[in-house]
Amino acid sequence: MATMFELDAIRSNAVERTRTPMLPVAAGLMGAFVTGYLLTLNIVMALGFLVFMALFCVIILRPAALVPGLVILTVVVERALQSVGITAGGKELVNFGGVVNLCLAVSIVFYVMTDRMRPFESRLTPSFALYLAAVGLSLLVSLDPLMTVRSVVRITAGYCIYLMITQFFTEKRQIDRLVQLLVLVSVVPIAVGLYQIAVENQFVISRDMRIKGTFKNGMSYSMYMAFLLPYIFGQLVFAKVGGWKRLFFAALFAAGMMNLVYSSTRIGLGAFVLAMMIYALLTDIKRHLPVMLVVLFIATIVFFPYLVESFGGYFKTDWSTYFSDDVRWDFRSQDYLTASSLHIRVYVWRHMVNKLMETNPWIGAGSGTWFENIDEKEIGFPLASHSDYFEVLFGTGFIGLIFYLVFRIRQLTLLAYFARSRIERRIKTTVVFPCLATYVACLGMSVTEVWQAYNGIYWLSWITIGICEAYYNWCRQKEARPDGITDLVPVDAYERGV
């Protein structure tokens, strides 16, 4: 009897927490009024507001149904949404990508206020909240408050997707379909990349002709490939699929590898190789370590000329050159052209640290204020920071950097915990292991690239770790209710001993 009443209470609470009958009516009336006014000012602004209202209503009414759409958006958000925006005085105020980010941030506030979401039940919330507090604190001394506000919204948006997955996806079949969609949607950028290789590049590999797929630039695209290819490999090797599906995944993986090579970025290739090595060791270290060492030895011999051309300049260039203020990178020798990427990074890092010390070394100069803003004032031309760590240091100071490192370490320890848990072996090999491997690779890649500045990759990182946590929550619910009633058990029931 007690169990029956408990289940009835859970059902009634679930129904009460999902009722918002007046929302569409209120949103429609307000939307019609505001849209009519905006049409007299700016058509793009009016359309943007309509998109905002539509997305907001969908998010509120059917949050779980929206997540698949957000997964699809990861491959088009950078070019399709960010390319259309509103400018004032030659400076962009907001784009459609920012509208989507704002919708996500507002929706989370609504969920929390109506008790449909409890953020601190998701395991990354405490560490992320510390980092977000540091980002918000930087607004007090920001060199450009508007850019800092946009940065806060962008950073929060990925976290919102993570919360939706961990708190609204409670059934295994829901999570399975999300993983399948994550892999299948990669067909679009991979197909576009193959077209660019054949038609635009005519099969020529060149750093000056980097293919972009459906992303903002070649770097963003190569990082997407490096991040997603391990998941495609997991479906190919470890998933229980039929012969035709396995053939499809094999073709998709081969095409993705071709795109990664033609994107011609050493950081993307290095991150992918490191991720796959970690992936192999996680699956079976005794079996795969000897094979991996042999493959690496053979690959080093085969690709030795390419390695010399790509990295030889680092050893031939005098180290004092890297700390000089000479920025005539395009007029140097071929060896220095190879090594100039390091000179560029050291050059911009030095200026970022100097400007930080002049502003506020503890709470920063304002999150998101460096690129295409302070960089042009400091060095005379736009130059990205080329490092997540220096970007965070400049924006939020040493306090923000410490909180950011705590957050990143928490991500790794949480994924490692999932990898050691009693989650099904198939889930580990197809989802958890590649997620942990790519996060470790990205932790290293963050030293020399701002991969989190790209919306598509940033969303993807939150989606994948959210899927891992959703699987773990489902596993705990399954253990807590051996009778098979898993979708009605609260997430924290396991700790309470229910």
Protein backbone atom coordinates (compact mmCIF):
# COMPACT_ATOMS: atom_id res chain seq x y z
CA MET A 1 0.00 0.00 0.00
CA ALA A 2 2.80 2.40 0.90
CA THR A 3 4.46 1.81 -2.43
CA MET A 4 1.18 2.38 -4.29
CA PHE A 5 0.53 5.70 -2.50
CA GLU A 6 4.13 6.77 -3.13
CA LEU A 7 3.81 6.11 -6.85
CA ASP A 8 0.48 7.95 -6.98
CA ALA A 9 2.09 10.94 -5.30
CA ILE A 10 4.92 10.93 -7.81
CA ARG A 11 2.46 10.76 -10.71
CA SER A 12 0.40 13.65 -9.34
CA ASN A 13 3.50 15.79 -8.79
CA ALA A 14 4.67 15.08 -12.34
CA VAL A 15 1.30 16.21 -13.71
CA GLU A 16 1.22 19.36 -11.60
CA ARG A 17 4.72 20.35 -12.65
CA THR A 18 3.95 20.20 -16.36
CA ARG A 19 0.76 22.29 -16.49
CA THR A 20 1.12 25.69 -18.16
CA PRO A 21 -2.24 26.14 -19.91
CA MET A 22 -2.25 29.93 -20.11
CA LEU A 23 1.26 30.32 -21.46
CA PRO A 24 0.50 30.04 -25.20
CA VAL A 25 -2.35 32.54 -24.93
CA ALA A 26 -0.34 35.08 -22.94
CA ALA A 27 2.70 34.64 -25.18
CA GLY A 28 0.59 35.00 -28.30
CA LEU A 29 -1.01 38.26 -27.14
CA MET A 30 2.26 39.77 -26.02
CA GLY A 31 4.06 38.51 -29.11
CA ALA A 32 1.47 40.02 -31.47
CA PHE A 33 1.70 43.39 -29.72
CA VAL A 34 5.51 43.57 -29.60
CA THR A 35 5.94 42.19 -33.14
CA GLY A 36 3.62 44.82 -34.56
CA TYR A 37 5.66 47.52 -32.88
CA LEU A 38 9.01 46.06 -33.98
CA LEU A 39 7.88 45.76 -37.60
CA THR A 40 7.74 49.54 -37.72
CA LEU A 41 11.38 49.70 -36.57
CA ASN A 42 13.33 46.74 -37.94
CA ILE A 43 12.07 43.67 -39.81
CA VAL A 44 15.03 41.51 -38.73
CA MET A 45 14.45 42.49 -35.11
CA ALA A 46 10.76 41.57 -35.44
CA LEU A 47 11.58 38.18 -36.96
CA GLY A 48 14.13 37.58 -34.25
CA PHE A 49 11.54 38.32 -31.59
CA LEU A 50 9.07 35.92 -33.22
CA VAL A 51 11.73 33.20 -33.18
CA PHE A 52 12.40 33.99 -29.54
CA MET A 53 8.71 33.67 -28.62
CA ALA A 54 8.20 30.46 -30.59
CA LEU A 55 11.27 28.80 -29.11
CA PHE A 56 10.35 29.95 -25.63
CA CYS A 57 6.87 28.43 -25.88
CA VAL A 58 8.23 25.14 -27.20
CA ILE A 59 10.89 25.03 -24.49
CA ILE A 60 8.35 25.59 -21.75
CA LEU A 61 5.69 23.19 -23.01
CA ARG A 62 7.84 20.30 -24.32
CA PRO A 63 11.42 20.58 -23.04
CA ALA A 64 12.39 16.98 -23.81
CA ALA A 65 11.06 17.29 -27.37
CA LEU A 66 13.28 20.33 -27.95
CA VAL A 67 16.60 18.64 -27.17
CA PRO A 68 16.77 16.66 -30.47
CA GLY A 69 16.34 19.95 -32.32
CA LEU A 70 19.22 21.44 -30.35
CA VAL A 71 21.39 18.45 -31.28
CA ILE A 72 20.65 19.16 -34.94
CA LEU A 73 21.42 22.85 -34.42
CA THR A 74 24.97 22.02 -33.29
CA VAL A 75 25.99 21.49 -36.92
CA VAL A 76 24.41 24.69 -38.28
CA VAL A 77 24.34 27.16 -35.37
CA GLU A 78 27.67 28.79 -36.26
CA ARG A 79 26.98 29.61 -39.91
CA ALA A 80 23.19 29.59 -40.32
CA LEU A 81 22.22 31.42 -37.12
CA GLN A 82 25.24 33.57 -36.31
CA SER A 83 25.47 34.93 -39.84
CA VAL A 84 22.17 36.86 -39.45
CA GLY A 85 22.07 39.57 -36.83
CA ILE A 86 21.42 43.18 -35.88
CA THR A 87 24.20 45.76 -35.92
CA ALA A 88 24.43 49.28 -34.54
CA GLY A 89 27.23 51.64 -35.48
CA GLY A 90 28.98 48.89 -37.40
CA LYS A 91 29.02 46.62 -34.33
CA GLU A 92 26.89 43.51 -33.96
CA LEU A 93 24.43 43.67 -31.07
CA VAL A 94 22.79 40.25 -31.37
CA ASN A 95 22.41 37.44 -33.90
CA PHE A 96 19.93 34.60 -34.19
CA GLY A 97 22.35 32.32 -32.38
CA GLY A 98 22.23 34.75 -29.48
CA VAL A 99 18.43 34.66 -29.59
CA VAL A 100 18.51 30.87 -29.19
CA ASN A 101 21.00 31.18 -26.32
CA LEU A 102 18.78 33.74 -24.62
CA CYS A 103 15.74 31.47 -24.99
CA LEU A 104 17.60 28.65 -23.29
CA ALA A 105 18.77 30.85 -20.42
CA VAL A 106 15.29 32.30 -19.83
CA SER A 107 13.69 28.85 -19.96
CA ILE A 108 15.92 27.54 -17.17
CA VAL A 109 14.91 30.47 -14.97
CA PHE A 110 11.26 29.61 -15.67
CA TYR A 111 11.78 25.91 -14.90
CA VAL A 112 13.47 26.70 -11.60
CA MET A 113 10.80 29.20 -10.57
CA THR A 114 8.01 26.68 -11.31
CA ASP A 115 9.88 23.83 -9.59
CA ARG A 116 10.07 21.77 -12.78
CA MET A 117 13.86 21.70 -12.58
CA ARG A 118 16.27 21.45 -9.66
CA PRO A 119 19.69 22.42 -11.01
CA PHE A 120 21.70 21.20 -8.03
CA GLU A 121 20.47 17.65 -8.60
CA SER A 122 22.69 17.65 -11.69
CA ARG A 123 26.24 16.87 -10.68
CA LEU A 124 28.14 19.58 -12.53
CA THR A 125 26.05 22.44 -11.18
CA PRO A 126 28.11 23.34 -8.05
CA SER A 127 31.43 23.65 -9.90
CA PHE A 128 29.86 25.39 -12.89
CA ALA A 129 28.05 27.82 -10.57
CA LEU A 130 31.40 28.91 -9.11
CA TYR A 131 32.82 29.58 -12.56
CA LEU A 132 29.64 31.37 -13.68
CA ALA A 133 29.78 33.54 -10.55
CA ALA A 134 33.31 34.58 -11.52
CA VAL A 135 32.10 35.42 -15.04
CA GLY A 136 29.28 37.51 -13.60
CA LEU A 137 31.66 39.23 -11.19
CA SER A 138 33.84 40.31 -14.12
CA LEU A 139 30.91 42.40 -15.34
CA LEU A 140 31.68 44.92 -12.56
CA VAL A 141 35.01 45.84 -14.16
CA SER A 142 34.30 44.84 -17.75
CA LEU A 143 35.93 46.89 -20.49
CA ASP A 144 32.80 46.22 -22.58
CA PRO A 145 29.73 45.32 -20.44
CA LEU A 146 27.58 44.41 -23.46
CA MET A 147 30.07 41.79 -24.66
CA THR A 148 30.32 40.39 -21.14
CA VAL A 149 26.54 40.02 -20.92
CA ARG A 150 26.56 38.19 -24.26
CA SER A 151 29.34 35.96 -22.92
CA VAL A 152 27.30 35.12 -19.81
CA VAL A 153 24.29 34.15 -21.95
CA ARG A 154 26.43 32.04 -24.32
CA ILE A 155 28.18 30.22 -21.48
CA THR A 156 24.87 29.54 -19.71
CA ALA A 157 23.14 28.21 -22.87
CA GLY A 158 25.25 25.05 -23.11
CA TYR A 159 24.67 24.36 -19.43
CA CYS A 160 20.91 24.73 -20.03
CA ILE A 161 21.01 21.92 -22.61
CA TYR A 162 22.88 19.76 -20.12
CA LEU A 163 20.20 20.37 -17.48
CA MET A 164 17.42 19.46 -19.91
CA ILE A 165 19.08 16.14 -20.73
CA THR A 166 19.95 15.16 -17.16
CA GLN A 167 16.57 16.10 -15.67
CA PHE A 168 14.04 15.40 -18.44
CA PHE A 169 15.52 12.28 -20.09
CA THR A 170 14.75 9.46 -17.66
CA GLU A 171 14.02 6.53 -19.99
CA LYS A 172 16.74 4.52 -21.67
CA ARG A 173 15.08 4.55 -25.07
CA GLN A 174 14.98 8.37 -24.98
CA ILE A 175 18.70 8.54 -24.29
CA ASP A 176 19.48 5.85 -26.91
CA ARG A 177 17.65 7.84 -29.58
CA LEU A 178 19.53 10.98 -28.62
CA VAL A 179 22.85 9.17 -29.10
CA GLN A 180 21.70 7.84 -32.47
CA LEU A 181 20.64 11.33 -33.55
CA LEU A 182 23.98 12.75 -32.41
CA VAL A 183 25.78 10.37 -34.77
CA LEU A 184 23.32 10.54 -37.67
CA VAL A 185 23.23 14.35 -37.79
CA SER A 186 26.96 14.30 -38.56
CA VAL A 187 26.01 13.11 -42.06
CA VAL A 188 25.17 16.72 -42.99
CA PRO A 189 28.54 18.40 -42.24
CA ILE A 190 30.46 15.35 -43.48
CA ALA A 191 28.57 15.35 -46.81
CA VAL A 192 29.12 19.11 -47.20
CA GLY A 193 32.79 18.61 -46.40
CA LEU A 194 33.15 15.95 -49.10
CA TYR A 195 31.58 18.34 -51.61
CA GLN A 196 34.05 21.06 -50.63
CA ILE A 197 36.97 18.62 -50.96
CA ALA A 198 35.96 17.54 -54.45
CA VAL A 199 34.57 20.78 -55.94
CA GLU A 200 36.22 23.67 -54.11
CA ASN A 201 39.59 22.18 -53.15
CA GLN A 202 39.76 19.66 -56.02
CA PHE A 203 41.37 17.19 -53.58
CA VAL A 204 44.22 19.57 -52.70
CA ILE A 205 45.30 19.59 -49.04
CA SER A 206 46.32 23.09 -48.00
CA ARG A 207 46.22 25.19 -44.82
CA ASP A 208 45.08 28.07 -47.02
CA MET A 209 42.12 26.03 -48.31
CA ARG A 210 40.73 24.51 -45.13
CA ILE A 211 37.32 22.98 -45.64
CA LYS A 212 34.64 24.26 -43.25
CA GLY A 213 31.71 21.90 -43.74
CA THR A 214 28.71 23.59 -42.14
CA PHE A 215 30.81 25.31 -39.48
CA LYS A 216 32.27 28.78 -39.08
CA ASN A 217 35.81 27.94 -40.16
CA GLY A 218 38.21 25.08 -40.72
CA MET A 219 39.40 24.99 -37.12
CA SER A 220 35.87 24.68 -35.76
CA TYR A 221 35.08 21.94 -38.28
CA SER A 222 38.20 19.93 -37.51
CA MET A 223 37.46 20.09 -33.78
CA TYR A 224 33.91 18.87 -34.44
CA MET A 225 35.33 15.92 -36.39
CA ALA A 226 37.89 15.17 -33.68
CA PHE A 227 35.13 15.29 -31.06
CA LEU A 228 32.55 13.18 -32.88
CA LEU A 229 34.57 10.57 -34.78
CA PRO A 230 35.21 8.47 -31.62
CA TYR A 231 31.44 8.14 -31.16
CA ILE A 232 31.01 7.00 -34.77
CA PHE A 233 33.84 4.51 -34.20
CA GLY A 234 32.05 3.24 -31.09
CA GLN A 235 28.87 2.60 -33.09
CA LEU A 236 30.92 0.83 -35.75
CA VAL A 237 32.88 -1.48 -33.45
CA PHE A 238 30.97 -1.91 -30.19
CA ALA A 239 27.27 -1.28 -30.89
CA LYS A 240 24.93 -4.19 -31.58
CA VAL A 241 23.81 -3.32 -35.10
CA GLY A 242 23.11 -5.23 -38.30
CA GLY A 243 25.42 -5.60 -41.27
CA TRP A 244 23.97 -2.72 -43.29
CA LYS A 245 24.14 -0.31 -40.36
CA ARG A 246 27.71 -1.36 -39.63
CA LEU A 247 28.59 -0.72 -43.27
CA PHE A 248 26.96 2.71 -43.02
CA PHE A 249 28.98 3.60 -39.90
CA ALA A 250 32.16 2.37 -41.59
CA ALA A 251 31.53 4.63 -44.58
CA LEU A 252 30.64 7.54 -42.29
CA PHE A 253 33.82 7.08 -40.25
CA ALA A 254 35.99 6.88 -43.38
CA ALA A 255 34.37 10.03 -44.81
CA GLY A 256 34.82 11.81 -41.49
CA MET A 257 38.50 10.87 -41.40
CA MET A 258 38.90 12.27 -44.91
CA ASN A 259 37.27 15.52 -43.81
CA LEU A 260 39.53 15.72 -40.75
CA VAL A 261 42.64 15.32 -42.90
CA TYR A 262 41.50 17.90 -45.45
CA SER A 263 40.63 20.39 -42.72
CA SER A 264 44.42 20.59 -42.38
CA THR A 265 44.67 21.59 -38.73
CA ARG A 266 47.36 20.05 -36.57
CA ILE A 267 45.38 20.72 -33.39
CA GLY A 268 42.34 18.83 -34.67
CA LEU A 269 44.41 15.88 -35.85
CA GLY A 270 46.38 15.80 -32.60
CA ALA A 271 43.23 15.91 -30.48
CA PHE A 272 41.69 13.06 -32.49
CA VAL A 273 44.79 10.85 -32.23
CA LEU A 274 45.05 11.47 -28.48
CA ALA A 275 41.34 10.78 -27.97
CA MET A 276 41.48 7.51 -29.91
CA MET A 277 44.56 6.37 -27.95
CA ILE A 278 42.79 7.03 -24.65
CA TYR A 279 39.64 5.37 -26.01
CA ALA A 280 41.61 2.21 -26.88
CA LEU A 281 43.23 2.05 -23.45
CA LEU A 282 39.88 2.49 -21.69
CA THR A 283 38.26 -0.37 -23.58
CA ASP A 284 41.01 -2.94 -22.99
CA ILE A 285 44.48 -1.72 -22.03
CA LYS A 286 46.20 -5.12 -22.01
CA ARG A 287 44.92 -6.02 -25.43
CA HIS A 288 45.12 -2.67 -27.20
CA LEU A 289 48.29 -1.09 -25.78
CA PRO A 290 50.77 -3.28 -27.76
CA VAL A 291 48.73 -2.86 -30.96
CA MET A 292 48.52 0.88 -30.43
CA LEU A 293 52.29 1.19 -29.96
CA VAL A 294 52.93 -0.74 -33.19
CA VAL A 295 50.43 1.40 -35.12
CA LEU A 296 52.00 4.60 -33.77
CA PHE A 297 55.48 3.41 -34.77
CA ILE A 298 54.37 2.56 -38.31
CA ALA A 299 52.39 5.82 -38.63
CA THR A 300 55.44 7.83 -37.52
CA ILE A 301 57.56 6.24 -40.23
CA VAL A 302 54.94 6.64 -42.97
CA PHE A 303 54.07 10.25 -42.10
CA PHE A 304 57.57 11.35 -41.10
CA PRO A 305 57.92 13.84 -44.03
CA TYR A 306 54.60 15.45 -43.07
CA LEU A 307 55.65 15.65 -39.41
CA VAL A 308 58.95 17.28 -40.34
CA GLU A 309 57.17 19.84 -42.53
CA SER A 310 54.52 20.56 -39.89
CA PHE A 311 56.67 20.69 -36.76
CA GLY A 312 60.27 21.00 -37.93
CA GLY A 313 60.16 24.78 -37.84
CA TYR A 314 59.71 24.76 -34.06
CA PHE A 315 63.19 23.29 -33.62
CA LYS A 316 64.92 25.49 -36.23
CA THR A 317 63.53 28.83 -35.05
CA ASP A 318 65.42 30.65 -32.31
CA TRP A 319 63.38 30.75 -29.11
CA SER A 320 64.00 34.45 -28.64
CA THR A 321 61.99 35.02 -31.82
CA TYR A 322 58.85 33.75 -30.12
CA PHE A 323 59.05 36.57 -27.57
CA SER A 324 59.73 39.34 -30.06
CA ASP A 325 57.26 41.99 -31.16
CA ASP A 326 57.94 41.41 -34.86
CA VAL A 327 54.63 40.40 -36.45
CA ARG A 328 55.79 40.10 -40.07
CA TRP A 329 54.88 36.42 -40.09
CA ASP A 330 54.09 36.28 -43.81
CA PHE A 331 57.56 37.47 -44.85
CA ARG A 332 59.68 34.85 -43.11
CA SER A 333 61.26 31.58 -44.19
CA GLN A 334 59.23 28.43 -44.68
CA ASP A 335 60.54 27.07 -41.39
CA TYR A 336 59.32 30.12 -39.54
CA LEU A 337 55.97 30.01 -41.30
CA THR A 338 55.60 26.55 -39.79
CA ALA A 339 56.49 27.83 -36.33
CA SER A 340 54.67 31.15 -36.62
CA SER A 341 51.52 29.75 -35.00
CA LEU A 342 53.41 29.48 -31.70
CA HIS A 343 54.79 33.02 -32.14
CA ILE A 344 51.25 34.28 -32.74
CA ARG A 345 50.02 32.64 -29.56
CA VAL A 346 52.88 33.83 -27.35
CA TYR A 347 52.53 37.30 -28.80
CA VAL A 348 48.83 37.59 -28.00
CA TRP A 349 49.20 35.94 -24.56
CA ARG A 350 51.81 38.51 -23.55
CA HIS A 351 49.52 41.39 -24.50
CA MET A 352 46.54 39.77 -22.73
CA VAL A 353 48.46 39.38 -19.49
CA ASN A 354 49.79 42.95 -19.67
CA LYS A 355 46.28 44.35 -20.21
CA LEU A 356 44.91 42.16 -17.41
CA MET A 357 47.50 43.52 -14.96
CA GLU A 358 46.53 47.06 -15.92
CA THR A 359 42.82 46.35 -15.35
CA ASN A 360 42.20 43.91 -12.48
CA PRO A 361 44.29 40.73 -12.14
CA TRP A 362 41.90 39.12 -9.66
CA ILE A 363 38.48 39.45 -11.33
CA GLY A 364 39.61 40.14 -14.89
CA ALA A 365 38.77 42.62 -17.62
CA GLY A 366 35.35 41.24 -18.50
CA SER A 367 34.48 37.84 -19.96
CA GLY A 368 34.36 37.80 -23.76
CA THR A 369 35.91 41.23 -24.24
CA TRP A 370 39.21 40.33 -25.93
CA PHE A 371 38.55 39.21 -29.50
CA GLU A 372 37.51 41.91 -32.00
CA ASN A 373 37.46 44.48 -29.20
CA ILE A 374 40.42 44.89 -26.85
CA ASP A 375 42.74 43.07 -29.26
CA GLU A 376 42.32 45.77 -31.89
CA LYS A 377 43.02 48.50 -29.31
CA GLU A 378 46.06 46.72 -27.89
CA ILE A 379 47.80 45.27 -30.96
CA GLY A 380 46.08 47.08 -33.80
CA PHE A 381 44.31 44.16 -35.51
CA PRO A 382 41.90 41.33 -34.54
CA LEU A 383 43.72 38.35 -33.07
CA ALA A 384 42.00 35.63 -31.04
CA SER A 385 43.52 34.48 -27.77
CA HIS A 386 44.17 30.93 -29.08
CA SER A 387 43.83 29.48 -25.58
CA ASP A 388 40.84 28.72 -23.40
CA TYR A 389 42.93 29.21 -20.30
CA PHE A 390 44.27 32.62 -21.30
CA GLU A 391 40.79 33.64 -22.48
CA VAL A 392 39.39 32.80 -19.04
CA LEU A 393 42.34 34.41 -17.28
CA PHE A 394 41.91 37.67 -19.19
CA GLY A 395 38.13 37.74 -18.81
CA THR A 396 37.71 36.64 -15.18
CA GLY A 397 41.16 37.03 -13.60
CA PHE A 398 43.01 34.55 -11.46
CA ILE A 399 39.92 33.84 -9.33
CA GLY A 400 37.92 32.90 -12.42
CA LEU A 401 40.76 30.76 -13.77
CA ILE A 402 40.92 28.78 -10.53
CA PHE A 403 37.15 28.18 -10.57
CA TYR A 404 37.32 27.26 -14.26
CA LEU A 405 40.05 24.65 -13.62
CA VAL A 406 37.99 23.25 -10.74
CA PHE A 407 35.03 22.94 -13.13
CA ARG A 408 37.07 21.21 -15.84
CA ILE A 409 38.65 18.80 -13.35
CA ARG A 410 35.19 18.03 -11.99
CA GLN A 411 34.08 17.10 -15.51
CA LEU A 412 36.93 14.61 -15.85
CA THR A 413 36.49 13.06 -12.40
CA LEU A 414 32.75 12.70 -12.98
CA LEU A 415 33.28 10.95 -16.32
CA ALA A 416 35.92 8.72 -14.74
CA TYR A 417 33.40 7.83 -12.03
CA PHE A 418 30.82 6.92 -14.67
CA ALA A 419 33.44 4.79 -16.44
CA ARG A 420 34.03 2.80 -13.23
CA SER A 421 30.34 2.52 -12.34
CA ARG A 422 27.95 -0.37 -13.01
CA ILE A 423 26.61 1.12 -16.23
CA GLU A 424 26.13 -1.48 -18.97
CA ARG A 425 29.32 -2.33 -20.82
CA ARG A 426 27.79 -1.42 -24.19
CA ILE A 427 26.91 2.07 -22.92
CA LYS A 428 30.42 2.53 -21.59
CA THR A 429 32.14 1.53 -24.83
CA THR A 430 29.85 3.51 -27.13
CA VAL A 431 29.24 6.67 -25.06
CA VAL A 432 31.11 7.04 -21.75
CA PHE A 433 34.59 6.01 -22.93
CA PRO A 434 34.61 8.24 -26.04
CA CYS A 435 33.25 11.11 -23.96
CA LEU A 436 36.01 10.76 -21.37
CA ALA A 437 38.64 10.37 -24.10
CA THR A 438 37.54 13.48 -26.00
CA TYR A 439 37.34 15.53 -22.80
CA VAL A 440 40.92 14.63 -21.89
CA ALA A 441 42.03 15.52 -25.44
CA CYS A 442 40.16 18.83 -25.28
CA LEU A 443 41.73 19.60 -21.91
CA GLY A 444 45.10 19.56 -23.67
CA MET A 445 43.76 21.30 -26.78
CA SER A 446 42.54 24.16 -24.60
CA VAL A 447 46.15 25.26 -24.11
CA THR A 448 46.49 26.40 -27.73
CA GLU A 449 42.92 26.89 -28.98
CA VAL A 450 39.66 28.52 -27.86
CA TRP A 451 37.45 25.60 -28.86
CA GLN A 452 34.72 26.64 -26.41
CA ALA A 453 34.28 29.91 -28.30
CA TYR A 454 32.56 27.96 -31.08
CA ASN A 455 28.89 27.41 -30.25
CA GLY A 456 28.58 24.09 -32.09
CA ILE A 457 31.50 22.44 -30.25
CA TYR A 458 30.55 24.03 -26.94
CA TRP A 459 27.00 22.68 -27.16
CA LEU A 460 28.29 19.27 -28.23
CA SER A 461 30.51 19.01 -25.17
CA TRP A 462 27.56 19.69 -22.85
CA ILE A 463 25.28 17.32 -24.77
CA THR A 464 27.69 14.38 -24.54
CA ILE A 465 28.41 14.73 -20.84
CA GLY A 466 24.69 15.21 -20.22
CA ILE A 467 23.98 11.94 -22.03
CA CYS A 468 26.55 10.14 -19.87
CA GLU A 469 24.95 11.45 -16.69
CA ALA A 470 21.46 10.59 -17.94
CA TYR A 471 22.57 7.00 -18.54
CA TYR A 472 24.03 6.87 -15.04
CA ASN A 473 20.81 8.23 -13.51
CA TRP A 474 18.80 5.62 -15.41
CA CYS A 475 21.10 2.87 -14.13
CA ARG A 476 20.65 4.03 -10.55
CA GLN A 477 16.89 4.15 -10.94
CA LYS A 478 16.94 0.65 -12.35
CA GLU A 479 18.86 -0.61 -9.32
CA ALA A 480 16.58 1.27 -6.93
CA ARG A 481 13.43 -0.26 -8.49
CA PRO A 482 14.12 -3.87 -9.54
CA ASP A 483 10.43 -4.25 -10.39
CA GLY A 484 11.08 -2.28 -13.59
CA ILE A 485 9.31 0.99 -12.61
CA THR A 486 12.20 3.32 -13.40
CA ASP A 487 10.64 6.37 -15.02
CA LEU A 488 8.71 7.35 -11.87
CA VAL A 489 11.58 7.27 -9.35
CA PRO A 490 13.13 10.63 -8.43
CA VAL A 491 16.85 11.02 -9.16
CA ASP A 492 17.75 11.35 -5.47
CA ALA A 493 15.76 8.27 -4.39
CA TYR A 494 18.87 6.12 -4.50
CA GLU A 495 20.63 8.16 -1.82
CA ARG A 496 17.54 8.16 0.43
CA GLY A 497 17.43 4.36 0.29
CA VAL A 498 13.96 4.20 -1.29
